[in-house]
């Protein structure tokens, strides 16, 4: 069976799949929002106001870390989590590319229907 070749855009999109999967969860999306608004935060600061345990938040952070969305560092005894802005920017570019593709396709369809 012949190998299918991936375009650079398809390869980049496939590389972003873990980011989109991680962002597909409401809790993780809220964590991204907090980190985006407030900058690096400790686990205690991140869990404040969430109706789930610190352990559950840590599991969400690990999923996000695996996707390259966050990084942690130690500050004394605490883990401090920060958002990986570059990864979010990559995902945003992918969404813009997809959106442009849809706009182009819909424009062609409109011209076809109108002609």
N, C-alpha and C. Protein backbone atom coordinates (compact mmCIF):
# COMPACT_ATOMS: atom_id res chain seq x y z
N UNK A 1 0.84 -1.16 0.00
CA UNK A 1 0.00 0.00 0.00
C UNK A 1 0.90 1.24 0.00
N UNK A 2 0.62 2.22 -0.88
CA UNK A 2 1.46 3.40 -0.95
C UNK A 2 1.29 4.28 0.29
N UNK A 3 2.40 4.93 0.66
CA UNK A 3 2.36 5.84 1.79
C UNK A 3 1.70 7.14 1.36
N UNK A 4 0.89 7.68 2.25
CA UNK A 4 0.31 8.98 1.96
C UNK A 4 1.26 10.04 2.51
N UNK A 5 1.42 11.08 1.73
CA UNK A 5 2.29 12.17 2.16
C UNK A 5 1.46 13.21 2.87
N UNK A 6 2.00 13.70 3.94
CA UNK A 6 1.35 14.76 4.69
C UNK A 6 1.91 16.10 4.25
N UNK A 7 1.02 17.04 4.08
CA UNK A 7 1.47 18.40 3.78
C UNK A 7 2.04 18.99 5.07
N UNK A 8 2.88 20.03 4.96
CA UNK A 8 3.40 20.65 6.18
C UNK A 8 2.28 21.13 7.10
N UNK A 9 1.21 21.68 6.52
CA UNK A 9 0.09 22.15 7.34
C UNK A 9 -0.57 20.98 8.08
N UNK A 10 -0.74 19.84 7.40
CA UNK A 10 -1.36 18.68 8.04
C UNK A 10 -0.46 18.14 9.15
N UNK A 11 0.84 18.15 8.93
CA UNK A 11 1.78 17.67 9.94
C UNK A 11 1.72 18.57 11.17
N UNK A 12 1.69 19.89 10.95
CA UNK A 12 1.61 20.82 12.06
C UNK A 12 0.28 20.67 12.80
N UNK A 13 -0.79 20.49 12.06
CA UNK A 13 -2.10 20.31 12.68
C UNK A 13 -2.11 19.04 13.53
N UNK A 14 -1.54 17.97 13.01
CA UNK A 14 -1.49 16.72 13.77
C UNK A 14 -0.68 16.91 15.05
N UNK A 15 0.37 17.71 14.98
CA UNK A 15 1.17 17.99 16.16
C UNK A 15 0.42 18.82 17.20
N UNK A 16 -0.60 19.53 16.76
CA UNK A 16 -1.40 20.36 17.67
C UNK A 16 -2.59 19.60 18.25
N UNK A 17 -2.82 18.39 17.80
CA UNK A 17 -3.99 17.63 18.24
C UNK A 17 -4.03 17.47 19.76
N UNK A 18 -2.88 17.23 20.39
CA UNK A 18 -2.87 17.06 21.84
C UNK A 18 -3.23 18.36 22.55
N UNK A 19 -2.87 19.50 21.96
CA UNK A 19 -3.24 20.79 22.54
C UNK A 19 -4.75 20.97 22.48
N UNK A 20 -5.33 20.70 21.31
CA UNK A 20 -6.78 20.85 21.18
C UNK A 20 -7.52 19.86 22.09
N UNK A 21 -7.00 18.66 22.22
CA UNK A 21 -7.62 17.68 23.12
C UNK A 21 -7.56 18.17 24.57
N UNK A 22 -6.41 18.71 24.96
CA UNK A 22 -6.27 19.21 26.33
C UNK A 22 -7.20 20.39 26.58
N UNK A 23 -7.37 21.25 25.59
CA UNK A 23 -8.22 22.42 25.75
C UNK A 23 -9.71 22.08 25.66
N UNK A 24 -10.02 20.85 25.29
CA UNK A 24 -11.41 20.43 25.15
C UNK A 24 -12.09 20.14 26.46
N UNK A 25 -11.39 20.25 27.56
CA UNK A 25 -11.96 19.99 28.88
C UNK A 25 -12.20 21.32 29.59
N UNK A 26 -13.38 21.50 30.15
CA UNK A 26 -13.74 22.78 30.78
C UNK A 26 -12.79 23.16 31.92
N UNK A 27 -12.43 22.20 32.75
CA UNK A 27 -11.53 22.51 33.87
C UNK A 27 -10.17 22.97 33.36
N UNK A 28 -9.64 22.26 32.37
CA UNK A 28 -8.34 22.66 31.83
C UNK A 28 -8.41 24.02 31.15
N UNK A 29 -9.51 24.28 30.47
CA UNK A 29 -9.69 25.58 29.84
C UNK A 29 -9.73 26.69 30.90
N UNK A 30 -10.39 26.43 32.01
CA UNK A 30 -10.43 27.40 33.11
C UNK A 30 -9.04 27.60 33.71
N UNK A 31 -8.26 26.53 33.82
CA UNK A 31 -6.89 26.66 34.32
C UNK A 31 -6.04 27.52 33.38
N UNK A 32 -6.20 27.31 32.08
CA UNK A 32 -5.48 28.13 31.10
C UNK A 32 -5.89 29.60 31.28
N UNK A 33 -7.16 29.84 31.48
CA UNK A 33 -7.64 31.20 31.70
C UNK A 33 -7.00 31.85 32.92
N UNK A 34 -6.94 31.11 34.01
CA UNK A 34 -6.31 31.64 35.23
C UNK A 34 -4.83 31.95 35.00
N UNK A 35 -4.14 31.01 34.38
CA UNK A 35 -2.71 31.23 34.15
C UNK A 35 -2.47 32.37 33.17
N UNK A 36 -3.36 32.52 32.23
CA UNK A 36 -3.25 33.60 31.26
C UNK A 36 -3.50 34.95 31.92
N UNK A 37 -4.48 35.02 32.80
CA UNK A 37 -4.83 36.27 33.47
C UNK A 37 -3.84 36.67 34.55
N UNK A 38 -3.35 35.68 35.29
CA UNK A 38 -2.59 35.98 36.51
C UNK A 38 -1.11 35.64 36.43
N UNK A 39 -0.68 34.97 35.38
CA UNK A 39 0.72 34.57 35.29
C UNK A 39 0.98 33.30 36.08
N UNK A 40 2.25 32.98 36.35
CA UNK A 40 2.57 31.74 37.06
C UNK A 40 1.88 31.68 38.43
N UNK A 41 1.35 30.49 38.74
CA UNK A 41 0.63 30.30 40.00
C UNK A 41 1.03 28.98 40.64
N UNK A 42 0.97 28.96 41.96
CA UNK A 42 1.20 27.72 42.69
C UNK A 42 -0.03 26.84 42.59
N UNK A 43 0.13 25.61 42.96
CA UNK A 43 -1.00 24.67 42.94
C UNK A 43 -2.09 25.18 43.90
N UNK A 44 -1.70 25.73 45.04
CA UNK A 44 -2.69 26.26 45.99
C UNK A 44 -3.48 27.41 45.36
N UNK A 45 -2.80 28.29 44.65
CA UNK A 45 -3.49 29.40 44.00
C UNK A 45 -4.39 28.92 42.86
N UNK A 46 -3.93 27.92 42.14
CA UNK A 46 -4.73 27.38 41.03
C UNK A 46 -5.98 26.67 41.51
N UNK A 47 -5.92 26.01 42.66
CA UNK A 47 -7.06 25.23 43.14
C UNK A 47 -8.09 26.08 43.87
N UNK A 48 -7.72 27.28 44.27
CA UNK A 48 -8.65 28.15 45.01
C UNK A 48 -9.92 28.38 44.19
N UNK A 49 -11.05 28.04 44.78
CA UNK A 49 -12.32 28.26 44.12
C UNK A 49 -12.78 27.14 43.20
N UNK A 50 -11.94 26.14 42.95
CA UNK A 50 -12.36 25.00 42.14
C UNK A 50 -13.05 23.98 43.03
N UNK A 51 -14.13 23.39 42.55
CA UNK A 51 -14.86 22.42 43.37
C UNK A 51 -14.25 21.02 43.33
N UNK A 52 -13.01 20.91 42.88
CA UNK A 52 -12.36 19.59 42.82
C UNK A 52 -11.07 19.63 43.62
N UNK A 53 -10.54 18.47 43.91
CA UNK A 53 -9.38 18.36 44.78
C UNK A 53 -8.10 18.83 44.11
N UNK A 54 -7.12 19.08 44.93
CA UNK A 54 -5.79 19.46 44.45
C UNK A 54 -5.20 18.35 43.58
N UNK A 55 -5.45 17.10 43.95
CA UNK A 55 -4.95 15.96 43.17
C UNK A 55 -5.58 15.95 41.78
N UNK A 56 -6.87 16.26 41.70
CA UNK A 56 -7.55 16.30 40.40
C UNK A 56 -6.99 17.43 39.54
N UNK A 57 -6.75 18.58 40.14
CA UNK A 57 -6.16 19.70 39.41
C UNK A 57 -4.77 19.30 38.90
N UNK A 58 -4.01 18.62 39.73
CA UNK A 58 -2.67 18.17 39.33
C UNK A 58 -2.75 17.24 38.13
N UNK A 59 -3.73 16.34 38.11
CA UNK A 59 -3.90 15.45 36.96
C UNK A 59 -4.20 16.25 35.69
N UNK A 60 -5.05 17.26 35.81
CA UNK A 60 -5.35 18.12 34.66
C UNK A 60 -4.08 18.85 34.19
N UNK A 61 -3.30 19.32 35.15
CA UNK A 61 -2.07 20.03 34.80
C UNK A 61 -1.08 19.09 34.10
N UNK A 62 -1.04 17.84 34.50
CA UNK A 62 -0.14 16.87 33.85
C UNK A 62 -0.56 16.63 32.40
N UNK A 63 -1.87 16.56 32.15
CA UNK A 63 -2.35 16.41 30.77
C UNK A 63 -1.91 17.62 29.95
N UNK A 64 -2.07 18.79 30.53
CA UNK A 64 -1.68 20.02 29.85
C UNK A 64 -0.16 20.09 29.65
N UNK A 65 0.57 19.59 30.62
CA UNK A 65 2.03 19.56 30.50
C UNK A 65 2.46 18.62 29.38
N UNK A 66 1.83 17.46 29.29
CA UNK A 66 2.12 16.51 28.21
C UNK A 66 1.84 17.11 26.83
N UNK A 67 0.86 18.00 26.76
CA UNK A 67 0.51 18.67 25.50
C UNK A 67 1.40 19.88 25.23
N UNK A 68 2.24 20.22 26.20
CA UNK A 68 3.14 21.35 26.03
C UNK A 68 2.51 22.69 26.35
N UNK A 69 1.35 22.68 27.02
CA UNK A 69 0.65 23.93 27.33
C UNK A 69 1.14 24.62 28.59
N UNK A 70 1.66 23.85 29.53
CA UNK A 70 2.14 24.42 30.80
C UNK A 70 3.48 23.78 31.16
N UNK A 71 4.18 24.49 32.01
CA UNK A 71 5.42 23.97 32.59
C UNK A 71 5.41 24.26 34.08
N UNK A 72 6.07 23.41 34.82
CA UNK A 72 6.14 23.65 36.26
C UNK A 72 7.60 23.81 36.67
N UNK A 73 7.76 24.53 37.76
CA UNK A 73 9.08 24.67 38.38
C UNK A 73 8.86 24.67 39.88
N UNK A 74 9.91 24.48 40.60
CA UNK A 74 9.81 24.44 42.06
C UNK A 74 10.18 25.80 42.63
N UNK A 75 9.41 26.24 43.60
CA UNK A 75 9.71 27.44 44.36
C UNK A 75 9.61 27.02 45.82
N UNK A 76 10.73 26.64 46.36
CA UNK A 76 10.72 26.08 47.71
C UNK A 76 10.03 24.73 47.69
N UNK A 77 8.98 24.60 48.48
CA UNK A 77 8.24 23.34 48.53
C UNK A 77 7.08 23.29 47.55
N UNK A 78 6.80 24.40 46.90
CA UNK A 78 5.64 24.46 46.01
C UNK A 78 6.02 24.31 44.54
N UNK A 79 5.10 23.72 43.80
CA UNK A 79 5.21 23.71 42.35
C UNK A 79 4.51 24.95 41.83
N UNK A 80 5.17 25.66 40.94
CA UNK A 80 4.60 26.84 40.31
C UNK A 80 4.40 26.51 38.83
N UNK A 81 3.19 26.76 38.35
CA UNK A 81 2.83 26.42 36.98
C UNK A 81 2.71 27.68 36.15
N UNK A 82 3.24 27.62 34.94
CA UNK A 82 3.14 28.75 34.03
C UNK A 82 2.68 28.26 32.67
N UNK A 83 2.00 29.13 31.98
CA UNK A 83 1.47 28.84 30.66
C UNK A 83 2.59 28.92 29.63
N UNK A 84 2.59 27.99 28.69
CA UNK A 84 3.56 28.00 27.59
C UNK A 84 2.91 28.75 26.43
N UNK A 85 3.18 30.05 26.36
CA UNK A 85 2.54 30.93 25.39
C UNK A 85 2.79 30.50 23.94
N UNK A 86 3.97 30.00 23.66
CA UNK A 86 4.31 29.61 22.29
C UNK A 86 3.39 28.51 21.79
N UNK A 87 3.07 27.58 22.65
CA UNK A 87 2.19 26.46 22.26
C UNK A 87 0.78 26.95 21.96
N UNK A 88 0.30 27.90 22.77
CA UNK A 88 -1.02 28.47 22.51
C UNK A 88 -1.02 29.27 21.21
N UNK A 89 0.07 29.98 20.95
CA UNK A 89 0.17 30.75 19.71
C UNK A 89 0.17 29.82 18.50
N UNK A 90 0.85 28.67 18.62
CA UNK A 90 0.84 27.68 17.54
C UNK A 90 -0.58 27.19 17.26
N UNK A 91 -1.32 26.90 18.33
CA UNK A 91 -2.70 26.43 18.17
C UNK A 91 -3.57 27.52 17.55
N UNK A 92 -3.35 28.75 17.96
CA UNK A 92 -4.12 29.85 17.39
C UNK A 92 -3.85 29.98 15.88
N UNK A 93 -2.59 29.83 15.48
CA UNK A 93 -2.26 29.88 14.05
C UNK A 93 -2.94 28.75 13.30
N UNK A 94 -3.01 27.57 13.90
CA UNK A 94 -3.68 26.45 13.25
C UNK A 94 -5.17 26.75 13.06
N UNK A 95 -5.79 27.31 14.08
CA UNK A 95 -7.21 27.66 13.96
C UNK A 95 -7.43 28.72 12.89
N UNK A 96 -6.52 29.67 12.79
CA UNK A 96 -6.63 30.69 11.74
C UNK A 96 -6.50 30.07 10.36
N UNK A 97 -5.59 29.11 10.21
CA UNK A 97 -5.41 28.42 8.92
C UNK A 97 -6.68 27.66 8.55
N UNK A 98 -7.24 26.95 9.52
CA UNK A 98 -8.48 26.20 9.28
C UNK A 98 -9.60 27.16 8.92
N UNK A 99 -9.70 28.25 9.64
CA UNK A 99 -10.75 29.25 9.39
C UNK A 99 -10.60 29.84 7.99
N UNK A 100 -9.39 30.16 7.59
CA UNK A 100 -9.16 30.71 6.25
C UNK A 100 -9.55 29.69 5.18
N UNK A 101 -9.22 28.44 5.41
CA UNK A 101 -9.61 27.39 4.47
C UNK A 101 -11.12 27.31 4.31
N UNK A 102 -11.84 27.38 5.42
CA UNK A 102 -13.31 27.37 5.36
C UNK A 102 -13.83 28.60 4.65
N UNK A 103 -13.26 29.76 4.95
CA UNK A 103 -13.69 31.00 4.29
C UNK A 103 -13.48 30.90 2.78
N UNK A 104 -12.33 30.37 2.37
CA UNK A 104 -12.05 30.21 0.94
C UNK A 104 -13.04 29.25 0.29
N UNK A 105 -13.30 28.13 0.96
CA UNK A 105 -14.23 27.13 0.43
C UNK A 105 -15.64 27.71 0.31
N UNK A 106 -16.08 28.40 1.35
CA UNK A 106 -17.42 29.00 1.31
C UNK A 106 -17.50 30.09 0.24
N UNK A 107 -16.42 30.83 0.04
CA UNK A 107 -16.40 31.84 -1.02
C UNK A 107 -16.54 31.21 -2.40
N UNK A 108 -15.84 30.09 -2.61
CA UNK A 108 -15.95 29.38 -3.90
C UNK A 108 -17.36 28.84 -4.09
N UNK A 109 -17.94 28.30 -3.04
CA UNK A 109 -19.31 27.78 -3.11
C UNK A 109 -20.29 28.91 -3.43
N UNK A 110 -20.13 30.04 -2.80
CA UNK A 110 -21.00 31.19 -3.05
C UNK A 110 -20.90 31.63 -4.51
N UNK A 111 -19.68 31.73 -5.02
CA UNK A 111 -19.52 32.13 -6.42
C UNK A 111 -20.15 31.11 -7.36
N UNK A 112 -20.01 29.82 -7.05
CA UNK A 112 -20.58 28.77 -7.87
C UNK A 112 -22.10 28.87 -7.88
N UNK A 113 -22.69 29.08 -6.72
CA UNK A 113 -24.15 29.17 -6.61
C UNK A 113 -24.66 30.43 -7.32
N UNK A 114 -23.94 31.52 -7.18
CA UNK A 114 -24.38 32.77 -7.79
C UNK A 114 -24.23 32.78 -9.30
N UNK A 115 -23.32 32.01 -9.86
CA UNK A 115 -23.09 31.98 -11.31
C UNK A 115 -24.11 31.17 -12.05
